Structure formats: C-alpha cells, structure tokens
Protein backbone atom coordinates (compact mmCIF):
# COMPACT_ATOMS: atom_id res chain seq x y z
CA MET A 1 2.81 52.94 3.54
CA GLN A 2 -0.67 52.93 2.04
CA LEU A 3 -0.68 52.04 -1.63
CA ASN A 4 -4.06 52.74 -3.14
CA LEU A 5 -3.69 55.52 -5.66
CA PHE A 6 -6.09 53.68 -7.93
CA GLY A 7 -8.72 53.28 -5.18
CA HIS A 8 -7.72 49.63 -4.49
CA ASN A 9 -4.86 47.73 -2.97
CA PRO A 10 -2.37 46.58 -5.62
CA ALA A 11 -2.06 42.90 -6.43
CA ILE A 12 1.68 42.97 -5.68
CA VAL A 13 4.19 45.41 -4.15
CA ALA A 14 7.97 45.41 -4.58
CA SER A 15 10.53 47.86 -3.32
CA ALA A 16 14.09 48.62 -4.21
CA PRO A 17 16.63 50.87 -2.57
CA GLY A 18 18.76 53.80 -3.69
CA ARG A 19 22.48 53.38 -3.36
CA ALA A 20 25.62 55.01 -2.11
CA ASN A 21 29.03 54.20 -3.53
CA LEU A 22 32.00 53.91 -1.20
CA LEU A 23 34.47 53.91 -4.10
CA GLY A 24 34.67 53.21 -7.79
CA GLU A 25 33.17 56.35 -9.39
CA HIS A 26 32.68 56.49 -13.14
CA ILE A 27 34.42 53.18 -13.76
CA ASP A 28 31.37 50.99 -14.02
CA TYR A 29 30.98 51.72 -17.74
CA ALA A 30 34.78 51.23 -18.10
CA GLY A 31 34.56 47.67 -16.80
CA GLY A 32 35.95 48.44 -13.33
CA ILE A 33 35.20 47.01 -9.88
CA VAL A 34 32.85 49.13 -7.78
CA LEU A 35 31.98 49.15 -4.07
CA PRO A 36 28.35 50.29 -3.64
CA PHE A 37 25.82 49.54 -0.95
CA ALA A 38 22.11 50.11 -0.61
CA ILE A 39 20.83 52.96 1.52
CA PRO A 40 17.82 52.77 3.82
CA TYR A 41 15.58 54.88 1.46
CA ARG A 42 13.49 52.81 -0.94
CA THR A 43 11.05 53.21 -3.82
CA SER A 44 7.95 51.06 -3.68
CA VAL A 45 5.89 50.01 -6.71
CA GLY A 46 2.37 48.49 -6.63
CA ILE A 47 0.99 46.73 -9.68
CA THR A 48 -2.43 45.37 -10.58
CA ALA A 49 -3.38 43.79 -13.90
CA ARG A 50 -6.15 45.38 -16.01
CA THR A 51 -8.56 43.80 -18.46
CA ASP A 52 -7.42 46.01 -21.32
CA LYS A 53 -3.97 46.90 -22.84
CA LYS A 54 -3.59 50.25 -21.13
CA ILE A 55 -0.66 51.13 -18.84
CA CYS A 56 -1.80 53.58 -16.19
CA LEU A 57 0.91 55.29 -14.06
CA ARG A 58 0.46 57.28 -10.86
CA SER A 59 2.94 58.65 -8.42
CA ALA A 60 2.43 59.69 -4.76
CA GLN A 61 5.03 62.41 -5.28
CA ILE A 62 4.16 63.74 -8.72
CA SER A 63 0.79 64.90 -9.91
CA ASP A 64 1.12 63.45 -13.37
CA GLU A 65 -1.62 60.97 -14.44
CA ILE A 66 -0.18 58.98 -17.38
CA ASP A 67 -2.13 56.47 -19.50
CA VAL A 68 -0.37 54.76 -22.36
CA GLN A 69 -1.41 51.88 -24.62
CA TRP A 70 1.04 48.98 -24.82
CA ASP A 71 1.58 49.55 -28.54
CA GLU A 72 2.38 53.25 -27.88
CA ILE A 73 5.26 52.62 -25.44
CA ALA A 74 8.04 52.34 -27.99
CA GLN A 75 7.46 55.85 -29.34
CA TRP A 76 6.16 57.50 -26.26
CA GLN A 77 7.68 60.75 -25.04
CA GLY A 78 6.77 62.22 -21.71
CA PRO A 79 7.96 62.91 -18.14
CA THR A 80 11.29 61.26 -17.35
CA TRP A 81 10.05 59.52 -14.24
CA ALA A 82 7.44 57.68 -16.22
CA ARG A 83 9.97 56.70 -18.87
CA TYR A 84 11.98 54.74 -16.26
CA VAL A 85 8.87 52.65 -15.63
CA LEU A 86 7.86 52.28 -19.29
CA GLY A 87 11.49 51.52 -20.24
CA VAL A 88 11.38 48.36 -18.17
CA LEU A 89 8.15 47.28 -19.88
CA HIS A 90 9.68 48.11 -23.27
CA VAL A 91 12.77 45.98 -22.67
CA LEU A 92 10.83 43.02 -21.24
CA ASP A 93 8.82 42.99 -24.51
CA ARG A 94 6.36 40.45 -23.16
CA ASP A 95 2.68 39.86 -24.04
CA LEU A 96 1.32 41.19 -20.75
CA PRO A 97 -2.11 42.71 -19.93
CA GLY A 98 -2.68 46.33 -19.13
CA LEU A 99 -1.38 47.48 -15.74
CA ASP A 100 -2.13 49.92 -13.01
CA ILE A 101 1.26 50.94 -11.66
CA GLU A 102 1.63 53.26 -8.65
CA VAL A 103 4.94 54.64 -7.39
CA HIS A 104 5.84 55.71 -3.89
CA GLY A 105 9.39 57.07 -3.85
CA GLN A 106 11.51 57.81 -0.77
CA VAL A 107 14.84 58.13 -2.57
CA PRO A 108 15.60 61.86 -3.11
CA GLN A 109 15.58 62.66 -6.88
CA GLY A 110 18.56 64.40 -8.36
CA SER A 111 20.72 63.69 -5.36
CA GLY A 112 23.13 61.14 -6.83
CA LEU A 113 21.51 58.34 -4.85
CA SER A 114 20.13 56.46 -7.86
CA SER A 115 16.42 57.10 -7.48
CA SER A 116 16.07 56.03 -11.14
CA ALA A 117 17.63 52.63 -10.55
CA ALA A 118 15.51 52.07 -7.44
CA LEU A 119 12.38 52.77 -9.53
CA GLU A 120 13.46 50.55 -12.44
CA CYS A 121 14.43 47.69 -10.15
CA ALA A 122 11.23 47.88 -8.12
CA VAL A 123 9.16 47.66 -11.32
CA ALA A 124 11.23 44.80 -12.62
CA THR A 125 11.09 42.91 -9.35
CA ALA A 126 7.27 43.30 -9.11
CA LEU A 127 6.71 42.18 -12.74
CA ASN A 128 9.08 39.25 -12.37
CA GLU A 129 7.12 37.94 -9.34
CA MET A 130 3.66 38.78 -10.63
CA PHE A 131 4.03 37.05 -13.99
CA GLU A 132 6.50 34.40 -12.89
CA LEU A 133 9.05 35.47 -15.48
CA GLY A 134 11.92 33.60 -13.82
CA PHE A 135 14.66 36.15 -14.02
CA THR A 136 17.53 36.19 -11.53
CA ALA A 137 18.39 39.32 -9.53
CA LEU A 138 21.33 39.98 -11.86
CA GLU A 139 19.18 39.54 -14.94
CA LEU A 140 16.71 42.03 -13.55
CA ALA A 141 19.52 44.50 -12.98
CA LYS A 142 20.57 44.05 -16.63
CA ILE A 143 16.97 44.69 -17.80
CA ALA A 144 16.81 47.84 -15.67
CA LYS A 145 20.10 49.12 -17.12
CA ARG A 146 18.87 48.47 -20.66
CA ALA A 147 15.76 50.44 -19.86
CA GLU A 148 17.85 53.44 -18.84
CA ASN A 149 20.39 53.08 -21.69
CA GLU A 150 18.08 52.30 -24.59
CA TYR A 151 14.72 53.90 -23.62
CA VAL A 152 15.64 56.86 -21.36
CA GLY A 153 18.93 57.56 -23.23
CA MET A 154 21.25 57.57 -20.24
CA PRO A 155 24.56 55.73 -20.95
CA CYS A 156 25.09 54.48 -17.43
CA GLY A 157 26.92 51.35 -16.36
CA LEU A 158 25.41 48.50 -14.33
CA MET A 159 26.54 49.63 -10.89
CA ASP A 160 23.39 51.45 -9.78
CA GLN A 161 21.03 48.65 -10.78
CA ALA A 162 23.32 45.89 -9.46
CA ALA A 163 23.50 47.65 -6.10
CA SER A 164 19.74 48.11 -5.97
CA MET A 165 19.20 44.37 -6.74
CA LEU A 166 22.00 42.62 -5.03
CA SER A 167 22.90 44.58 -1.88
CA ARG A 168 22.89 43.00 1.58
CA GLU A 169 22.65 44.48 5.07
CA ASN A 170 25.93 45.42 6.79
CA SER A 171 27.93 44.69 3.62
CA ILE A 172 29.68 46.41 0.74
CA LEU A 173 28.88 44.94 -2.63
CA GLN A 174 32.06 44.24 -4.54
CA PHE A 175 30.76 44.19 -8.10
CA ASP A 176 32.94 43.48 -11.10
CA CYS A 177 31.44 45.39 -13.99
CA LEU A 178 33.41 43.37 -16.54
CA SER A 179 32.78 39.75 -15.41
CA LEU A 180 29.51 40.74 -13.60
CA GLU A 181 30.70 38.63 -10.62
CA SER A 182 29.89 39.87 -7.15
CA ASP A 183 31.19 39.37 -3.60
CA TYR A 184 30.41 40.93 -0.22
CA LEU A 185 32.77 42.71 2.09
CA PRO A 186 31.84 43.12 5.78
CA PHE A 187 31.17 46.72 6.73
CA ASN A 188 30.23 46.81 10.35
CA LEU A 189 31.19 50.39 11.16
CA ARG A 190 29.44 50.39 14.50
CA GLU A 191 32.08 48.08 15.91
CA HIS A 192 34.70 50.74 15.22
CA GLY A 193 32.63 53.75 16.32
CA LEU A 194 32.32 54.96 12.73
CA SER A 195 29.42 55.93 10.49
CA ILE A 196 28.68 56.88 6.89
CA LEU A 197 27.08 60.27 6.54
CA ILE A 198 25.36 61.23 3.31
CA VAL A 199 25.13 65.01 2.67
CA ASP A 200 22.71 66.06 -0.07
CA SER A 201 23.89 69.46 -1.29
CA ARG A 202 20.41 69.95 -2.78
CA VAL A 203 22.02 71.03 -5.99
CA LYS A 204 19.93 68.89 -8.37
CA HIS A 205 21.53 67.22 -11.33
CA GLU A 206 19.96 65.79 -14.52
CA LEU A 207 22.24 63.20 -15.99
CA VAL A 208 20.46 62.81 -19.35
CA ASP A 209 22.11 66.13 -20.30
CA GLY A 210 25.52 66.44 -21.95
CA GLY A 211 27.92 66.53 -18.98
CA TYR A 212 27.80 62.83 -18.09
CA SER A 213 27.51 61.72 -21.68
CA ASN A 214 30.63 63.72 -22.60
CA ARG A 215 32.70 61.90 -20.01
CA PHE A 216 31.38 58.58 -21.16
CA LYS A 217 32.18 59.43 -24.80
CA ALA A 218 35.73 60.53 -23.88
CA CYS A 219 36.37 57.16 -22.26
CA GLU A 220 34.89 55.31 -25.23
CA THR A 221 37.11 57.37 -27.63
CA ALA A 222 40.18 56.35 -25.67
CA ARG A 223 39.12 52.70 -25.51
CA ARG A 224 38.63 52.49 -29.23
CA SER A 225 41.78 54.41 -30.12
CA MET A 226 43.87 51.97 -28.07
CA GLY A 227 42.11 48.89 -29.43
CA LEU A 228 40.79 47.71 -26.12
CA ASP A 229 37.66 45.79 -25.27
CA SER A 230 37.57 47.58 -21.91
CA LEU A 231 39.60 50.25 -20.17
CA ARG A 232 40.00 47.63 -17.44
CA HIS A 233 42.73 46.16 -19.71
CA LEU A 234 44.60 49.44 -19.93
CA THR A 235 48.20 49.07 -18.69
CA PRO A 236 50.28 52.05 -17.48
CA GLU A 237 52.69 51.44 -20.34
CA LEU A 238 49.93 51.54 -23.05
CA PHE A 239 48.40 54.62 -21.45
CA GLU A 240 51.78 56.41 -21.38
CA SER A 241 52.47 55.72 -25.03
CA ALA A 242 48.97 56.30 -26.43
CA GLN A 243 48.35 59.31 -28.63
CA LEU A 244 45.26 60.86 -26.95
CA ASP A 245 43.70 64.23 -27.08
CA PRO A 246 44.82 66.08 -23.90
CA LEU A 247 41.25 66.37 -22.58
CA VAL A 248 40.62 62.67 -23.23
CA ARG A 249 43.89 61.77 -21.49
CA LYS A 250 42.84 63.85 -18.47
CA ARG A 251 39.56 61.97 -18.22
CA VAL A 252 41.12 58.56 -18.53
CA SER A 253 43.69 59.50 -15.91
CA HIS A 254 40.82 59.48 -13.44
CA ILE A 255 39.70 56.03 -14.62
CA VAL A 256 43.16 54.55 -14.19
CA GLY A 257 43.66 56.11 -10.75
CA GLU A 258 40.21 55.06 -9.58
CA MET A 259 40.64 51.39 -10.52
CA SER A 260 43.87 51.38 -8.54
CA ARG A 261 42.19 53.04 -5.48
CA VAL A 262 39.42 50.44 -5.55
CA GLU A 263 41.91 47.64 -5.49
CA LYS A 264 43.69 49.16 -2.49
CA THR A 265 40.40 49.90 -0.75
CA VAL A 266 39.30 46.27 -0.98
CA SER A 267 42.55 45.26 0.71
CA ALA A 268 42.10 47.91 3.39
CA LEU A 269 38.49 46.83 4.08
CA LYS A 270 39.52 43.23 4.65
CA ILE A 271 41.75 44.33 7.53
CA ASP A 272 39.46 47.09 8.84
CA ASP A 273 41.99 49.81 7.91
CA PHE A 274 39.45 52.61 7.77
CA LEU A 275 42.13 55.32 7.84
CA ALA A 276 43.33 54.07 4.49
CA VAL A 277 39.74 53.75 3.19
CA GLY A 278 39.14 57.38 4.11
CA GLN A 279 42.35 58.49 2.44
CA TYR A 280 41.34 56.80 -0.82
CA MET A 281 37.88 58.37 -0.68
CA THR A 282 39.45 61.81 -0.40
CA GLU A 283 41.81 61.15 -3.19
CA THR A 284 38.85 60.16 -5.34
CA HIS A 285 37.22 63.49 -4.70
CA SER A 286 40.28 65.31 -5.79
CA SER A 287 40.40 63.21 -8.98
CA LEU A 288 36.71 63.78 -9.79
CA ARG A 289 37.20 67.51 -9.18
CA ASP A 290 40.49 68.07 -11.04
CA LEU A 291 40.63 65.34 -13.73
CA PHE A 292 37.02 64.44 -14.43
CA GLU A 293 35.83 67.91 -13.56
CA ILE A 294 32.39 66.95 -12.38
CA SER A 295 32.36 68.30 -8.79
CA TRP A 296 30.55 71.48 -7.82
CA VAL A 297 31.35 74.30 -5.43
CA GLU A 298 28.91 73.31 -2.73
CA MET A 299 30.31 69.82 -2.46
CA ASP A 300 33.86 70.93 -2.59
CA LEU A 301 33.09 73.15 0.40
CA ALA A 302 31.28 70.39 2.23
CA VAL A 303 34.18 68.00 1.75
CA GLU A 304 36.66 70.63 3.03
CA ILE A 305 34.54 71.22 6.17
CA GLY A 306 34.11 67.51 6.79
CA LEU A 307 37.84 66.87 6.65
CA LYS A 308 38.55 69.82 8.92
CA ASN A 309 36.11 68.43 11.50
CA GLY A 310 37.31 64.90 11.89
CA ALA A 311 36.10 62.95 8.76
CA LEU A 312 38.47 60.13 7.79
CA GLY A 313 37.48 60.60 4.24
CA ALA A 314 34.95 62.57 2.14
CA ARG A 315 34.07 62.91 -1.48
CA MET A 316 31.36 63.79 -4.00
CA MET A 317 29.33 60.79 -5.16
CA GLY A 318 27.38 59.87 -8.22
CA GLY A 319 27.27 61.26 -11.74
CA GLY A 320 28.38 64.74 -10.70
CA PHE A 321 27.30 68.36 -11.32
CA GLY A 322 25.16 68.26 -8.18
CA GLY A 323 23.82 65.72 -5.76
CA SER A 324 25.34 64.21 -2.62
CA GLY A 325 28.58 63.47 -0.93
CA ILE A 326 29.70 60.51 1.21
CA PHE A 327 31.61 61.05 4.47
CA LEU A 328 33.36 58.41 6.62
CA LEU A 329 33.72 59.72 10.11
CA PRO A 330 33.67 58.89 13.85
CA LYS A 331 29.98 58.72 14.94
CA VAL A 332 30.67 61.28 17.65
CA GLN A 333 31.72 63.83 15.02
CA ILE A 334 28.45 63.69 13.05
CA PRO A 335 26.60 66.53 14.91
CA GLN A 336 29.60 68.85 14.61
CA VAL A 337 30.10 68.08 10.90
CA MET A 338 26.46 68.53 10.10
CA SER A 339 26.21 71.74 12.06
CA GLU A 340 29.35 73.24 10.57
CA ILE A 341 28.26 72.41 6.96
CA GLU A 342 24.83 73.94 7.59
CA THR A 343 26.33 77.13 9.06
CA VAL A 344 28.88 77.66 6.28
CA PHE A 345 26.28 76.89 3.57
CA ALA A 346 23.96 79.52 5.09
CA LYS A 347 26.69 82.16 5.23
CA ALA A 348 27.55 81.45 1.57
CA GLY A 349 23.87 81.74 0.56
CA TYR A 350 23.59 78.10 -0.53
CA ARG A 351 20.47 75.99 -0.02
CA PRO A 352 20.33 74.18 3.32
CA PRO A 353 21.81 70.70 2.90
CA GLN A 354 20.03 67.54 4.01
CA SER A 355 21.99 64.80 5.69
CA PHE A 356 21.35 61.26 6.97
CA ILE A 357 23.27 58.35 8.33
CA ALA A 358 23.42 55.50 5.78
CA GLU A 359 23.76 51.96 7.09
CA PRO A 360 24.18 49.28 4.35
CA SER A 361 20.73 47.85 3.67
CA ALA A 362 19.00 45.07 1.78
CA GLY A 363 18.42 45.07 -1.97
CA ALA A 364 15.10 44.74 -3.95
CA ARG A 365 12.39 42.57 -2.43
CA ILE A 366 8.69 41.70 -2.59
CA GLU A 367 6.78 43.37 0.19
CA ASN A 368 4.25 41.60 2.39
CA LEU A 369 0.96 43.28 1.68
CA SER A 370 -0.43 42.32 5.07
C-alpha cells in the first residue's frame, strides 16, 4: 500500500484490524466475558510531525480534507471518521506538534466489523511508537475506547478496541470486560474442515444513533435499580425478584443468557466441540432478535439460509440494525451457502451481500516502511 497522500512518505505507519466476535454480544459494557478475534482486513495510518500546531487529516477512501488546530480539537464538530482520529488525540492530551495523518481503511464501514476501533487503535499505536509514550497494548485500547465514548459519543464497551489491539493469529481472544484480563483459546478450524464466513448484508448501521444507546441505557437502568456494580454480578434469584420495567427485563434477559452461553462456549472450545459452539451461536441470534430486538430482516434471512445449508451455527454480529453476520460451517459448504444467500437476496430485492472467509489474525502493529 502506497501511503503518500501528503506528497511524502509518512514518518511512521501503524495498522490495526477490524474484528469479528464469535460470542458475547452486547455484554462487554455489562462486564461480561467476550470471545472476539481480529479479521484479515486492516486500517493503516501514516503520521508525520509538522512544524506548526495544525492537525491535517486525509483519507484514501473519503474526499474530505480536514485541517484543525490543536486548541480547536476539544470543540470541533465534523465528519465522524475524523472524530475517531481527533478523539484519540483529545484523550491523549499531550503537548505534541502538529501532525499530518493519512488513513487507508480496508475494514468495511457500517458492517459491524469495528472499522472505528481499527482506526482508533491504528492512530493510538502509531502515536505511542512515534513519541515513545510507553503505553501497553491494553492501555492503548482503553485510550481508544475513551475516544469513542467521550469524544464521538458512542457508549461502547472495551471489546472492539481490545480485540483490535490484543488479538493473535489462529486464536480466539477470551477477554474479561470486568477484570480486563485476557487469555487465548486455540481456534484452528482448518484441522476440522471448518471455516468462519462473514456475510455483510450491506445494510449500513450508524451506532451513534438511538438504537444502541437505548439498549445500553436499559441495562444501566437495571444495574442501578438492583444496586449492582456490574450486571456480571446478577444472580438468577436477584433477577427473578427484581422489580423491572417489562422492556428492561426483556433486554437484561439477553444479557443473562449471553453470559451463560459464553461460559459454555469456552468449555466447548477447549474440547473442540464445534457442534455445541454452533448451537450457542444460533441461540444468540434468536436472543438478539427476540429479546434485544436489534436484528434486521436481511440477516434473519441469511441466518435461516445458512442453517438450512449446513452451517453449524449462524448469527448476526455487532451493534445491530444492519451490518454483518458470522457463520460457522464446513469449508466445503461455503460456495453453496454464499450462492444461496445471494440468490435469495436477489429475489427479495435486497442489495447483493458481500462475504469473506475470516481467519483469526494479528492485532495492531507498527508496519515496516521498507
């Protein structure tokens, strides 16, 4: 990839991946354990110091040319993609020079694959190396999360940024969103003739709107009303006896069930019981559709087709209301599943989906300019 949007090679380049999530949907902000992994698509960021205090942003995918003074960042309003970059600078709050920052993104936007976290983590990784800031990978993930929470206004948990920073090849990241401890589970699907297929429905979502925030607020309402530090501490007995609004109870029912499914999935992965893993994935889709109510018709249809054509498990993935799904299936079934989904989508008048095989990949890194 040629990085020279400013007419010169950048002083440093970092890249960070998007992520898929095997299981643990919408429980990161509830203190749950999640099971993400990095996908092969990455966002690269090149940075060069300037002699003034101006931040100049350019993107290979977007025509915006954005120039902002350091002292204007705190109050700046503009395109969302640029706010992910400026948010990291705002949270770092360091006396740094002006910067030329160019972005080359491969992670599809609005597809539930965390293009925003990939961008934030690439920026944070490059700045950390360039100015010898000394942050660990986990600390950089926290900085990226704060940028999204405090500057962009998206109340996400830490899963996306942790996956983008900490993932390893051929492994599932077992990340505890309460203790922030992490472990790695082997995920060598090739040995079992299996693959992960990601299907982008091409229904774009924008999570800074009310749908995601309303689910987050419902969970926070339940947590506070039950006097808990985290919904991770919610027992079945307390949940049963709690006086909750019916809609809030419905939302929290997903949280309770998903935490249980993650626990069972970890046990299944340790003994390569992929039939069980697939079952829990499908159960999660039903829960997200019926209890959290964030699925959408195109993905419901894709999941149904996948399961009818040999998938061990299938579900929507990400914040919801559009984006992608994740399918666990025998490798030999991939062409049939992809073809059938494309055919049925065309007959229904939906946009053509885009699919790719996702092998667990490495997290954020500094790229060799040579």
